[in-house]
Amino acid sequence: MTASATGSARFLIVGPQGSGKGTQGVLVAEAFGVPQVATGDIFRANVAGGTELGKRVQAIIEAGDLVPDELTSELVRDRLEQADAAGGFLLDGYPRNRGQVDDLDAFLTGRGEALDAVIELVVPREESIGRLKQRATDQGRTDDTEEVIANRLAIYERETAPILDVYRDRGAVVRIDGVGTLDEVTERIFSALAARGLAPNGVSA
């Protein structure tokens, strides 16, 4: 299987905070000619656009609450139904838990689609903490203490990491060593996808 420049690949990228998944996700999406669909971007776009979904999200966030799974899934479905995602997409930050996996399954099944690969960036906890502390220092973010960072990683390990077991059972997970330079990790991702017959822009795997 190859993917054309107009997009014909459906990916999910998963990894702890500090794994570089946002950066790698952009590179993979661009290479395959599909949009990167990140929940944070969807939330901000709907709030900024004043959509009905955006108003619901804004009210929840302003109340200090987390956006519930049902609304998150509704926002993602709305985004995936847009024209640029018709031929493919790369999901980043969704699904985060088993309930959202079920929601995504139902949506894709209804369209006769499935994920082509789940890219798992594997980064040791101490490496993630070190990267996030450095990023906080570089950006002058005093609120990103080691305790706060460790809590975020604990939430990932408790809620998001288990969804990988679901996708492993389906044979969809591509495990990537996330330690190394940006280019090294990118090359590992493309090599692993090519080994599964997934090559960007019509290049034969």
Protein backbone atom coordinates (compact mmCIF):
# COMPACT_ATOMS: atom_id res chain seq x y z
CA MET A 1 0.00 0.00 0.00
CA THR A 2 1.23 3.48 -0.81
CA ALA A 3 -0.22 6.85 0.04
CA SER A 4 -0.62 9.58 -2.52
CA ALA A 5 0.14 13.25 -1.96
CA THR A 6 -3.58 13.88 -1.58
CA GLY A 7 -3.73 11.54 1.39
CA SER A 8 -4.86 7.96 1.84
CA ALA A 9 -3.50 7.03 5.23
CA ARG A 10 -5.08 7.04 8.68
CA PHE A 11 -2.72 7.22 11.60
CA LEU A 12 -2.74 7.74 15.35
CA ILE A 13 0.45 8.91 17.09
CA VAL A 14 0.78 8.17 20.80
CA GLY A 15 3.49 9.01 23.33
CA PRO A 16 4.02 10.65 26.70
CA GLN A 17 4.47 14.39 27.08
CA GLY A 18 8.00 15.24 25.99
CA SER A 19 8.17 12.37 23.50
CA GLY A 20 8.15 14.73 20.53
CA LYS A 21 4.90 13.35 19.12
CA GLY A 22 3.57 16.78 18.17
CA THR A 23 6.63 17.55 16.07
CA GLN A 24 6.84 14.07 14.56
CA GLY A 25 3.10 14.10 13.90
CA VAL A 26 3.44 17.25 11.78
CA LEU A 27 6.23 15.66 9.73
CA VAL A 28 4.33 12.42 9.12
CA ALA A 29 1.11 14.26 8.23
CA GLU A 30 2.92 16.53 5.78
CA ALA A 31 4.72 13.61 4.12
CA PHE A 32 1.49 11.68 3.61
CA GLY A 33 -0.50 14.74 2.58
CA VAL A 34 -3.06 14.42 5.38
CA PRO A 35 -4.08 16.86 8.12
CA GLN A 36 -2.74 16.53 11.64
CA VAL A 37 -5.81 16.44 13.85
CA ALA A 38 -4.92 17.45 17.42
CA THR A 39 -7.60 17.84 20.07
CA GLY A 40 -6.07 21.03 21.47
CA ASP A 41 -6.18 22.65 18.04
CA ILE A 42 -9.80 21.53 17.55
CA PHE A 43 -10.83 23.00 20.90
CA ARG A 44 -9.13 26.33 20.17
CA ALA A 45 -10.50 26.55 16.62
CA ASN A 46 -14.08 25.96 17.75
CA VAL A 47 -13.83 28.40 20.65
CA ALA A 48 -12.24 31.06 18.42
CA GLY A 49 -14.85 30.45 15.72
CA GLY A 50 -17.73 30.77 18.15
CA THR A 51 -19.30 27.49 17.02
CA GLU A 52 -21.98 25.82 19.11
CA LEU A 53 -19.50 23.09 20.03
CA GLY A 54 -16.94 25.76 20.84
CA LYS A 55 -19.34 27.54 23.19
CA ARG A 56 -19.90 24.29 25.08
CA VAL A 57 -16.15 23.70 25.34
CA GLN A 58 -15.49 27.26 26.52
CA ALA A 59 -18.11 27.03 29.26
CA ILE A 60 -16.60 23.76 30.53
CA ILE A 61 -13.02 25.08 30.47
CA GLU A 62 -14.00 28.33 32.17
CA ALA A 63 -15.63 26.29 34.93
CA GLY A 64 -12.29 24.55 35.43
CA ASP A 65 -13.58 21.17 34.29
CA LEU A 66 -12.21 18.69 31.77
CA VAL A 67 -13.96 18.37 28.42
CA PRO A 68 -15.95 15.09 28.71
CA ASP A 69 -15.34 12.16 26.37
CA GLU A 70 -18.68 12.53 24.62
CA LEU A 71 -18.06 16.16 23.64
CA THR A 72 -14.42 15.49 22.73
CA SER A 73 -15.50 12.67 20.43
CA GLU A 74 -18.18 14.89 18.89
CA LEU A 75 -15.59 17.57 18.14
CA VAL A 76 -13.19 15.05 16.58
CA ARG A 77 -15.96 13.52 14.45
CA ASP A 78 -16.90 17.00 13.24
CA ARG A 79 -13.25 17.65 12.29
CA LEU A 80 -12.81 14.29 10.52
CA GLU A 81 -15.94 14.95 8.46
CA GLN A 82 -14.32 18.04 6.90
CA ALA A 83 -13.19 17.74 3.29
CA ASP A 84 -9.43 17.79 3.91
CA ALA A 85 -9.67 14.67 6.10
CA ALA A 86 -11.75 12.64 3.65
CA GLY A 87 -8.77 10.70 2.36
CA GLY A 88 -6.79 10.39 5.58
CA PHE A 89 -5.57 12.03 8.78
CA LEU A 90 -3.13 11.78 11.66
CA LEU A 91 -4.71 11.89 15.10
CA ASP A 92 -2.71 13.41 17.97
CA GLY A 93 -4.16 13.47 21.48
CA TYR A 94 -7.24 11.42 20.65
CA PRO A 95 -8.28 8.82 21.65
CA ARG A 96 -6.92 9.23 25.19
CA ASN A 97 -8.79 6.40 26.88
CA ARG A 98 -10.79 3.24 26.14
CA GLY A 99 -14.11 5.08 25.92
CA GLN A 100 -12.74 7.35 23.22
CA VAL A 101 -11.29 4.30 21.40
CA ASP A 102 -14.80 2.86 21.26
CA ASP A 103 -16.17 6.16 19.94
CA LEU A 104 -13.51 6.33 17.23
CA ASP A 105 -14.10 2.69 16.29
CA ALA A 106 -17.80 3.34 15.84
CA PHE A 107 -17.16 6.41 13.69
CA LEU A 108 -14.58 4.74 11.43
CA THR A 109 -16.56 1.52 11.11
CA GLY A 110 -19.54 3.56 10.01
CA ARG A 111 -17.43 4.95 7.17
CA GLY A 112 -15.93 1.58 6.28
CA GLU A 113 -12.50 2.73 7.49
CA ALA A 114 -9.86 1.72 10.01
CA LEU A 115 -6.54 3.04 11.29
CA ASP A 116 -3.62 1.98 9.10
CA ALA A 117 -1.09 2.26 11.92
CA VAL A 118 -0.70 3.45 15.50
CA ILE A 119 2.72 5.06 15.95
CA GLU A 120 3.95 4.63 19.54
CA LEU A 121 6.89 6.82 20.54
CA VAL A 122 8.70 5.05 23.37
CA VAL A 123 10.60 7.39 25.69
CA PRO A 124 11.79 6.53 29.24
CA ARG A 125 10.08 8.49 31.99
CA GLU A 126 13.28 10.24 33.10
CA GLU A 127 13.96 11.30 29.53
CA SER A 128 10.46 12.81 29.25
CA ILE A 129 10.86 14.66 32.55
CA GLY A 130 14.25 16.00 31.50
CA ARG A 131 12.93 17.26 28.16
CA LEU A 132 9.88 18.89 29.74
CA LYS A 133 11.96 20.59 32.44
CA GLN A 134 14.31 21.92 29.77
CA ARG A 135 11.38 23.15 27.69
CA ALA A 136 9.88 24.87 30.75
CA THR A 137 13.22 26.58 31.40
CA ASP A 138 13.59 27.63 27.76
CA GLN A 139 10.05 29.05 27.73
CA GLY A 140 10.27 30.60 31.19
CA ARG A 141 7.35 28.54 32.51
CA THR A 142 7.71 28.46 36.28
CA ASP A 143 4.46 26.48 36.69
CA ASP A 144 5.97 23.41 34.99
CA THR A 145 7.62 22.00 38.11
CA GLU A 146 8.93 18.45 38.27
CA GLU A 147 5.92 17.52 40.41
CA VAL A 148 3.45 18.89 37.84
CA ILE A 149 5.31 17.16 35.00
CA ALA A 150 5.39 13.85 36.88
CA ASN A 151 1.63 14.12 37.47
CA ARG A 152 0.98 14.62 33.75
CA LEU A 153 3.06 11.56 32.94
CA ALA A 154 1.20 9.54 35.59
CA ILE A 155 -2.12 10.47 33.94
CA TYR A 156 -0.75 9.34 30.57
CA GLU A 157 0.49 6.05 32.02
CA ARG A 158 -2.81 5.42 33.81
CA GLU A 159 -5.31 6.48 31.15
CA THR A 160 -3.70 6.63 27.71
CA ALA A 161 -0.98 3.96 27.67
CA PRO A 162 -3.58 1.16 28.16
CA ILE A 163 -5.23 1.97 24.81
CA LEU A 164 -2.07 0.70 23.15
CA ASP A 165 -2.93 -2.81 24.38
CA VAL A 166 -6.17 -2.58 22.38
CA TYR A 167 -4.33 -1.62 19.21
CA ARG A 168 -1.56 -4.15 19.81
CA ASP A 169 -4.17 -6.90 19.86
CA ARG A 170 -5.19 -5.68 16.39
CA GLY A 171 -1.60 -5.69 15.17
CA ALA A 172 -1.73 -1.96 14.46
CA VAL A 173 1.03 -0.65 16.74
CA VAL A 174 4.42 0.42 15.38
CA ARG A 175 6.82 0.89 18.31
CA ILE A 176 9.43 3.59 17.74
CA ASP A 177 12.44 4.38 19.92
CA GLY A 178 11.84 8.07 20.63
CA VAL A 179 15.34 8.76 22.00
CA GLY A 180 17.73 10.41 19.54
CA THR A 181 17.85 13.40 17.25
CA LEU A 182 14.75 14.67 15.50
CA ASP A 183 15.96 13.28 12.18
CA GLU A 184 16.87 9.90 13.67
CA VAL A 185 13.42 9.41 15.16
CA THR A 186 11.73 10.60 11.97
CA GLU A 187 13.74 8.11 9.92
CA ARG A 188 12.75 5.29 12.28
CA ILE A 189 9.08 6.17 11.86
CA PHE A 190 9.20 6.22 8.07
CA SER A 191 11.23 3.02 7.91
CA ALA A 192 8.76 1.23 10.21
CA LEU A 193 5.77 2.46 8.17
CA ALA A 194 7.47 1.47 4.92
CA ALA A 195 8.01 -2.03 6.33
CA ARG A 196 4.22 -2.23 6.68
CA GLY A 197 3.72 -1.14 3.08
CA LEU A 198 2.91 2.47 3.97
CA ALA A 199 4.99 4.95 1.99
CA PRO A 200 4.24 8.65 1.47
CA ASN A 201 3.59 10.50 -1.76
CA GLY A 202 3.31 7.48 -3.99
CA VAL A 203 6.82 6.20 -3.20
CA SER A 204 6.87 2.42 -3.23
CA ALA A 205 7.58 0.84 0.12
